[in-house]
Amino acid sequence: MDPATAVEATRPFVDDDARDRLTVTGADAETYLQSQLSQSVTGLAVGDARWSFVLDPTGKIDALLRVEKSGDTEFRLDTDAGFGEALEARLRRFMIRVDVEIASESAGSPQPGGDHETARIGAGWPRLGAEIEPGSTIPASTGVVTLACDFTKGCYPGQELVERMASRDSEAPTRVRIVDLDEG
């Protein structure tokens, strides 16, 4: 699947009501996010969206998020409910001498709806707090690196681990669980 179409393809199992949101604005919003996200935001048209990681410097996942360009100097980021505050803190940590403002909004629902969650699990899409433990999980173990990382964009925190594993065609160990969902 192409990163440009991944956002639309994941809509059936990503519950928009169970997402924390950040709005990042300012003259330096694009260049700042370009330096922090694993996905390229340079050149996105207004309305375009992509999946991305925000990683800590060791390459562990701080957040899996959707980023959408919502204006010439405005981007909307959304992440799983309960993780927006940590995402905002992580982004603010590296804001030095940039014209960037961040505003946040908590999710309307603290947990995804059952239909969304069942579809998400069936599709194998990871969720923060479930398959992704912030600060511990590496991107390669999520199964979404090809959708959330741009391997041509340049530097961002944690890039070395992602690039090293990709260049060696390495796969992270994964646990496989079979869940029998009663559809009756």
C-alpha atoms as a PDB file:
ATOM      1  CA  MET A   1       0.000   0.000   0.000  1.00  0.00           C
ATOM      2  CA  ASP A   2       1.218   3.477  -0.848  1.00  0.00           C
ATOM      3  CA  PRO A   3       1.645   5.972   2.064  1.00  0.00           C
ATOM      4  CA  ALA A   4      -0.513   8.471   0.156  1.00  0.00           C
ATOM      5  CA  THR A   5      -3.484   6.070   0.124  1.00  0.00           C
ATOM      6  CA  ALA A   6      -2.880   4.468   3.523  1.00  0.00           C
ATOM      7  CA  VAL A   7      -4.868   7.083   5.436  1.00  0.00           C
ATOM      8  CA  GLU A   8      -8.004   6.380   3.403  1.00  0.00           C
ATOM      9  CA  ALA A   9      -7.461   2.625   3.625  1.00  0.00           C
ATOM     10  CA  THR A  10      -7.246   2.763   7.431  1.00  0.00           C
ATOM     11  CA  ARG A  11     -10.384   4.866   7.989  1.00  0.00           C
ATOM     12  CA  PRO A  12     -12.660   1.821   8.568  1.00  0.00           C
ATOM     13  CA  PHE A  13     -10.689   0.798  11.653  1.00  0.00           C
ATOM     14  CA  VAL A  14      -9.378   4.079  13.073  1.00  0.00           C
ATOM     15  CA  ASP A  15     -12.018   5.615  15.358  1.00  0.00           C
ATOM     16  CA  ASP A  16     -11.781   9.386  14.858  1.00  0.00           C
ATOM     17  CA  ASP A  17     -13.698   9.971  18.102  1.00  0.00           C
ATOM     18  CA  ALA A  18     -10.973   8.156  20.067  1.00  0.00           C
ATOM     19  CA  ARG A  19      -8.096  10.346  18.836  1.00  0.00           C
ATOM     20  CA  ASP A  20      -6.262  13.174  20.629  1.00  0.00           C
ATOM     21  CA  ARG A  21      -5.488  16.080  18.302  1.00  0.00           C
ATOM     22  CA  LEU A  22      -2.748  18.669  18.003  1.00  0.00           C
ATOM     23  CA  THR A  23      -2.705  21.667  15.711  1.00  0.00           C
ATOM     24  CA  VAL A  24       0.787  22.847  14.786  1.00  0.00           C
ATOM     25  CA  THR A  25       0.923  26.318  13.248  1.00  0.00           C
ATOM     26  CA  GLY A  26       3.471  28.965  12.381  1.00  0.00           C
ATOM     27  CA  ALA A  27       5.912  30.036   9.722  1.00  0.00           C
ATOM     28  CA  ASP A  28       8.277  27.187  10.701  1.00  0.00           C
ATOM     29  CA  ALA A  29       5.616  24.484  11.201  1.00  0.00           C
ATOM     30  CA  GLU A  30       6.499  22.541   8.046  1.00  0.00           C
ATOM     31  CA  THR A  31      10.265  22.598   8.497  1.00  0.00           C
ATOM     32  CA  TYR A  32       9.955  21.798  12.186  1.00  0.00           C
ATOM     33  CA  LEU A  33       7.681  18.795  11.623  1.00  0.00           C
ATOM     34  CA  GLN A  34       9.908  17.663   8.752  1.00  0.00           C
ATOM     35  CA  SER A  35      12.783  17.482  11.253  1.00  0.00           C
ATOM     36  CA  GLN A  36      10.759  15.523  13.851  1.00  0.00           C
ATOM     37  CA  LEU A  37       8.512  13.075  11.972  1.00  0.00           C
ATOM     38  CA  SER A  38       9.525   9.864  10.221  1.00  0.00           C
ATOM     39  CA  GLN A  39       7.260  10.774   7.299  1.00  0.00           C
ATOM     40  CA  SER A  40       7.925  13.658   4.922  1.00  0.00           C
ATOM     41  CA  VAL A  41       5.542  16.607   5.158  1.00  0.00           C
ATOM     42  CA  THR A  42       7.391  18.794   2.657  1.00  0.00           C
ATOM     43  CA  GLY A  43       5.353  19.172  -0.481  1.00  0.00           C
ATOM     44  CA  LEU A  44       2.056  17.935   0.959  1.00  0.00           C
ATOM     45  CA  ALA A  45      -0.918  19.776  -0.517  1.00  0.00           C
ATOM     46  CA  VAL A  46      -3.577  21.165   1.799  1.00  0.00           C
ATOM     47  CA  GLY A  47      -5.839  18.214   2.659  1.00  0.00           C
ATOM     48  CA  ASP A  48      -3.135  15.552   2.141  1.00  0.00           C
ATOM     49  CA  ALA A  49      -2.453  13.233   5.077  1.00  0.00           C
ATOM     50  CA  ARG A  50       0.094  10.546   5.950  1.00  0.00           C
ATOM     51  CA  TRP A  51       0.861   8.162   8.805  1.00  0.00           C
ATOM     52  CA  SER A  52       4.071   8.865  10.715  1.00  0.00           C
ATOM     53  CA  PHE A  53       6.047   7.974  13.800  1.00  0.00           C
ATOM     54  CA  VAL A  54       7.611  10.307  16.315  1.00  0.00           C
ATOM     55  CA  LEU A  55      10.589   8.477  17.734  1.00  0.00           C
ATOM     56  CA  ASP A  56      12.855   9.044  20.687  1.00  0.00           C
ATOM     57  CA  PRO A  57      16.557   9.494  19.887  1.00  0.00           C
ATOM     58  CA  THR A  58      17.214   5.748  20.383  1.00  0.00           C
ATOM     59  CA  GLY A  59      14.611   4.843  17.749  1.00  0.00           C
ATOM     60  CA  LYS A  60      11.813   3.715  20.085  1.00  0.00           C
ATOM     61  CA  ILE A  61       8.283   4.885  19.267  1.00  0.00           C
ATOM     62  CA  ASP A  62       6.906   7.859  21.173  1.00  0.00           C
ATOM     63  CA  ALA A  63       3.801   8.082  18.962  1.00  0.00           C
ATOM     64  CA  LEU A  64       2.122   6.711  15.858  1.00  0.00           C
ATOM     65  CA  LEU A  65       0.125   9.538  14.350  1.00  0.00           C
ATOM     66  CA  ARG A  66      -1.694  10.832  11.334  1.00  0.00           C
ATOM     67  CA  VAL A  67      -0.452  14.181  10.017  1.00  0.00           C
ATOM     68  CA  GLU A  68      -2.581  16.302   7.701  1.00  0.00           C
ATOM     69  CA  LYS A  69      -1.654  19.591   6.086  1.00  0.00           C
ATOM     70  CA  SER A  70      -4.673  21.756   6.890  1.00  0.00           C
ATOM     71  CA  GLY A  71      -3.377  25.154   5.732  1.00  0.00           C
ATOM     72  CA  ASP A  72      -0.320  26.867   4.291  1.00  0.00           C
ATOM     73  CA  THR A  73       1.297  27.055   7.740  1.00  0.00           C
ATOM     74  CA  GLU A  74      -0.921  24.618   9.649  1.00  0.00           C
ATOM     75  CA  PHE A  75      -0.809  20.882  10.287  1.00  0.00           C
ATOM     76  CA  ARG A  76      -3.182  18.680  12.262  1.00  0.00           C
ATOM     77  CA  LEU A  77      -1.780  15.669  14.063  1.00  0.00           C
ATOM     78  CA  ASP A  78      -3.925  13.008  15.682  1.00  0.00           C
ATOM     79  CA  THR A  79      -2.922  10.035  17.786  1.00  0.00           C
ATOM     80  CA  ASP A  80      -4.617   7.392  19.907  1.00  0.00           C
ATOM     81  CA  ALA A  81      -6.671   8.669  22.853  1.00  0.00           C
ATOM     82  CA  GLY A  82      -4.622   9.269  25.972  1.00  0.00           C
ATOM     83  CA  PHE A  83      -1.347   9.886  24.140  1.00  0.00           C
ATOM     84  CA  GLY A  84      -1.796  13.453  22.861  1.00  0.00           C
ATOM     85  CA  GLU A  85      -0.288  15.070  25.931  1.00  0.00           C
ATOM     86  CA  ALA A  86       2.873  12.953  25.652  1.00  0.00           C
ATOM     87  CA  LEU A  87       3.099  13.721  21.910  1.00  0.00           C
ATOM     88  CA  GLU A  88       2.788  17.440  22.598  1.00  0.00           C
ATOM     89  CA  ALA A  89       5.478  17.275  25.310  1.00  0.00           C
ATOM     90  CA  ARG A  90       7.812  15.360  22.973  1.00  0.00           C
ATOM     91  CA  LEU A  91       7.343  17.881  20.151  1.00  0.00           C
ATOM     92  CA  ARG A  92       7.856  20.839  22.518  1.00  0.00           C
ATOM     93  CA  ARG A  93      11.096  19.309  23.830  1.00  0.00           C
ATOM     94  CA  PHE A  94      12.914  20.126  20.555  1.00  0.00           C
ATOM     95  CA  MET A  95      11.241  23.486  19.794  1.00  0.00           C
ATOM     96  CA  ILE A  96      14.213  25.833  19.896  1.00  0.00           C
ATOM     97  CA  ARG A  97      14.089  29.152  18.049  1.00  0.00           C
ATOM     98  CA  VAL A  98      11.228  28.171  15.767  1.00  0.00           C
ATOM     99  CA  ASP A  99       8.051  30.073  14.934  1.00  0.00           C
ATOM    100  CA  VAL A 100       5.718  27.232  15.915  1.00  0.00           C
ATOM    101  CA  GLU A 101       2.651  27.065  18.147  1.00  0.00           C
ATOM    102  CA  ILE A 102       0.969  23.863  19.329  1.00  0.00           C
ATOM    103  CA  ALA A 103      -2.619  23.621  20.517  1.00  0.00           C
ATOM    104  CA  SER A 104      -4.124  20.370  21.772  1.00  0.00           C
ATOM    105  CA  GLU A 105      -7.559  18.797  22.088  1.00  0.00           C
ATOM    106  CA  SER A 106      -8.396  15.599  23.937  1.00  0.00           C
ATOM    107  CA  ALA A 107     -10.403  12.807  22.363  1.00  0.00           C
ATOM    108  CA  GLY A 108     -14.165  12.771  22.630  1.00  0.00           C
ATOM    109  CA  SER A 109     -14.036   9.094  23.584  1.00  0.00           C
ATOM    110  CA  PRO A 110     -11.302   7.555  25.751  1.00  0.00           C
ATOM    111  CA  GLN A 111     -11.468   4.179  23.982  1.00  0.00           C
ATOM    112  CA  PRO A 112     -12.147   3.146  20.384  1.00  0.00           C
ATOM    113  CA  GLY A 113     -15.625   1.822  19.614  1.00  0.00           C
ATOM    114  CA  GLY A 114     -15.992  -1.961  19.537  1.00  0.00           C
ATOM    115  CA  ASP A 115     -16.574  -2.197  15.793  1.00  0.00           C
ATOM    116  CA  HIS A 116     -13.489  -0.071  15.101  1.00  0.00           C
ATOM    117  CA  GLU A 117     -11.399  -2.084  17.535  1.00  0.00           C
ATOM    118  CA  THR A 118     -12.493  -5.416  16.081  1.00  0.00           C
ATOM    119  CA  ALA A 119     -11.722  -4.165  12.548  1.00  0.00           C
ATOM    120  CA  ARG A 120      -8.355  -2.734  13.681  1.00  0.00           C
ATOM    121  CA  ILE A 121      -7.305  -6.014  15.247  1.00  0.00           C
ATOM    122  CA  GLY A 122      -8.467  -7.941  12.197  1.00  0.00           C
ATOM    123  CA  ALA A 123      -6.427  -5.657   9.934  1.00  0.00           C
ATOM    124  CA  GLY A 124      -3.332  -5.953  12.134  1.00  0.00           C
ATOM    125  CA  TRP A 125      -3.108  -2.171  12.672  1.00  0.00           C
ATOM    126  CA  PRO A 126      -1.179  -1.309  15.864  1.00  0.00           C
ATOM    127  CA  ARG A 127      -2.510   0.993  18.586  1.00  0.00           C
ATOM    128  CA  LEU A 128      -0.621   2.910  21.251  1.00  0.00           C
ATOM    129  CA  GLY A 129      -1.181   1.265  24.601  1.00  0.00           C
ATOM    130  CA  ALA A 130      -1.997  -2.078  22.983  1.00  0.00           C
ATOM    131  CA  GLU A 131       0.591  -3.328  20.456  1.00  0.00           C
ATOM    132  CA  ILE A 132       2.788  -0.236  20.823  1.00  0.00           C
ATOM    133  CA  GLU A 133       4.297   0.556  24.200  1.00  0.00           C
ATOM    134  CA  PRO A 134       5.688   4.103  23.945  1.00  0.00           C
ATOM    135  CA  GLY A 135       9.385   4.219  24.791  1.00  0.00           C
ATOM    136  CA  SER A 136       9.825   0.450  24.307  1.00  0.00           C
ATOM    137  CA  THR A 137       8.472  -0.623  20.918  1.00  0.00           C
ATOM    138  CA  ILE A 138      10.648  -0.288  17.822  1.00  0.00           C
ATOM    139  CA  PRO A 139       9.058   0.664  14.493  1.00  0.00           C
ATOM    140  CA  ALA A 140      10.039  -2.591  12.757  1.00  0.00           C
ATOM    141  CA  SER A 141       7.831  -4.594  15.117  1.00  0.00           C
ATOM    142  CA  THR A 142       4.654  -2.688  14.128  1.00  0.00           C
ATOM    143  CA  GLY A 143       4.285  -3.840  10.532  1.00  0.00           C
ATOM    144  CA  VAL A 144       3.627  -0.268   9.328  1.00  0.00           C
ATOM    145  CA  VAL A 145       7.141   1.084   8.689  1.00  0.00           C
ATOM    146  CA  THR A 146       6.615   1.272   4.921  1.00  0.00           C
ATOM    147  CA  LEU A 147       3.515   3.421   5.495  1.00  0.00           C
ATOM    148  CA  ALA A 148       4.853   5.622   8.296  1.00  0.00           C
ATOM    149  CA  CYS A 149       8.460   6.253   7.209  1.00  0.00           C
ATOM    150  CA  ASP A 150       9.896   8.057   4.217  1.00  0.00           C
ATOM    151  CA  PHE A 151      13.327   6.609   3.476  1.00  0.00           C
ATOM    152  CA  THR A 152      14.329   9.524   1.220  1.00  0.00           C
ATOM    153  CA  LYS A 153      13.481  12.526   3.418  1.00  0.00           C
ATOM    154  CA  GLY A 154      16.540  13.063   5.569  1.00  0.00           C
ATOM    155  CA  CYS A 155      17.236  13.177   9.268  1.00  0.00           C
ATOM    156  CA  TYR A 156      14.851  12.921  12.212  1.00  0.00           C
ATOM    157  CA  PRO A 157      15.365  11.646  15.778  1.00  0.00           C
ATOM    158  CA  GLY A 158      15.607   7.852  15.900  1.00  0.00           C
ATOM    159  CA  GLN A 159      16.203   7.491  12.159  1.00  0.00           C
ATOM    160  CA  GLU A 160      19.355   5.411  12.558  1.00  0.00           C
ATOM    161  CA  LEU A 161      17.560   2.354  13.946  1.00  0.00           C
ATOM    162  CA  VAL A 162      14.832   2.491  11.299  1.00  0.00           C
ATOM    163  CA  GLU A 163      17.333   2.895   8.452  1.00  0.00           C
ATOM    164  CA  ARG A 164      19.712   0.228   9.765  1.00  0.00           C
ATOM    165  CA  MET A 165      16.981  -2.391  10.042  1.00  0.00           C
ATOM    166  CA  ALA A 166      15.555  -1.518   6.629  1.00  0.00           C
ATOM    167  CA  SER A 167      18.943  -1.580   4.899  1.00  0.00           C
ATOM    168  CA  ARG A 168      19.657  -5.039   6.312  1.00  0.00           C
ATOM    169  CA  ASP A 169      16.151  -6.322   5.577  1.00  0.00           C
ATOM    170  CA  SER A 170      15.924  -7.102   9.280  1.00  0.00           C
ATOM    171  CA  GLU A 171      12.671  -7.972  10.917  1.00  0.00           C
ATOM    172  CA  ALA A 172      11.968  -7.457  14.571  1.00  0.00           C
ATOM    173  CA  PRO A 173      10.775 -10.411  16.580  1.00  0.00           C
ATOM    174  CA  THR A 174       6.993 -10.351  16.811  1.00  0.00           C
ATOM    175  CA  ARG A 175       4.518 -12.134  18.982  1.00  0.00           C
ATOM    176  CA  VAL A 176       1.619 -13.640  17.165  1.00  0.00           C
ATOM    177  CA  ARG A 177      -1.663 -14.169  18.940  1.00  0.00           C
ATOM    178  CA  ILE A 178      -4.680 -15.782  17.409  1.00  0.00           C
ATOM    179  CA  VAL A 179      -7.918 -14.296  18.599  1.00  0.00           C
ATOM    180  CA  ASP A 180     -11.159 -16.062  17.839  1.00  0.00           C
ATOM    181  CA  LEU A 181     -13.799 -13.361  17.541  1.00  0.00           C
ATOM    182  CA  ASP A 182     -17.291 -14.600  18.045  1.00  0.00           C
ATOM    183  CA  GLU A 183     -19.305 -12.868  15.351  1.00  0.00           C
ATOM    184  CA  GLY A 184     -22.622 -14.220  16.588  1.00  0.00           C
END
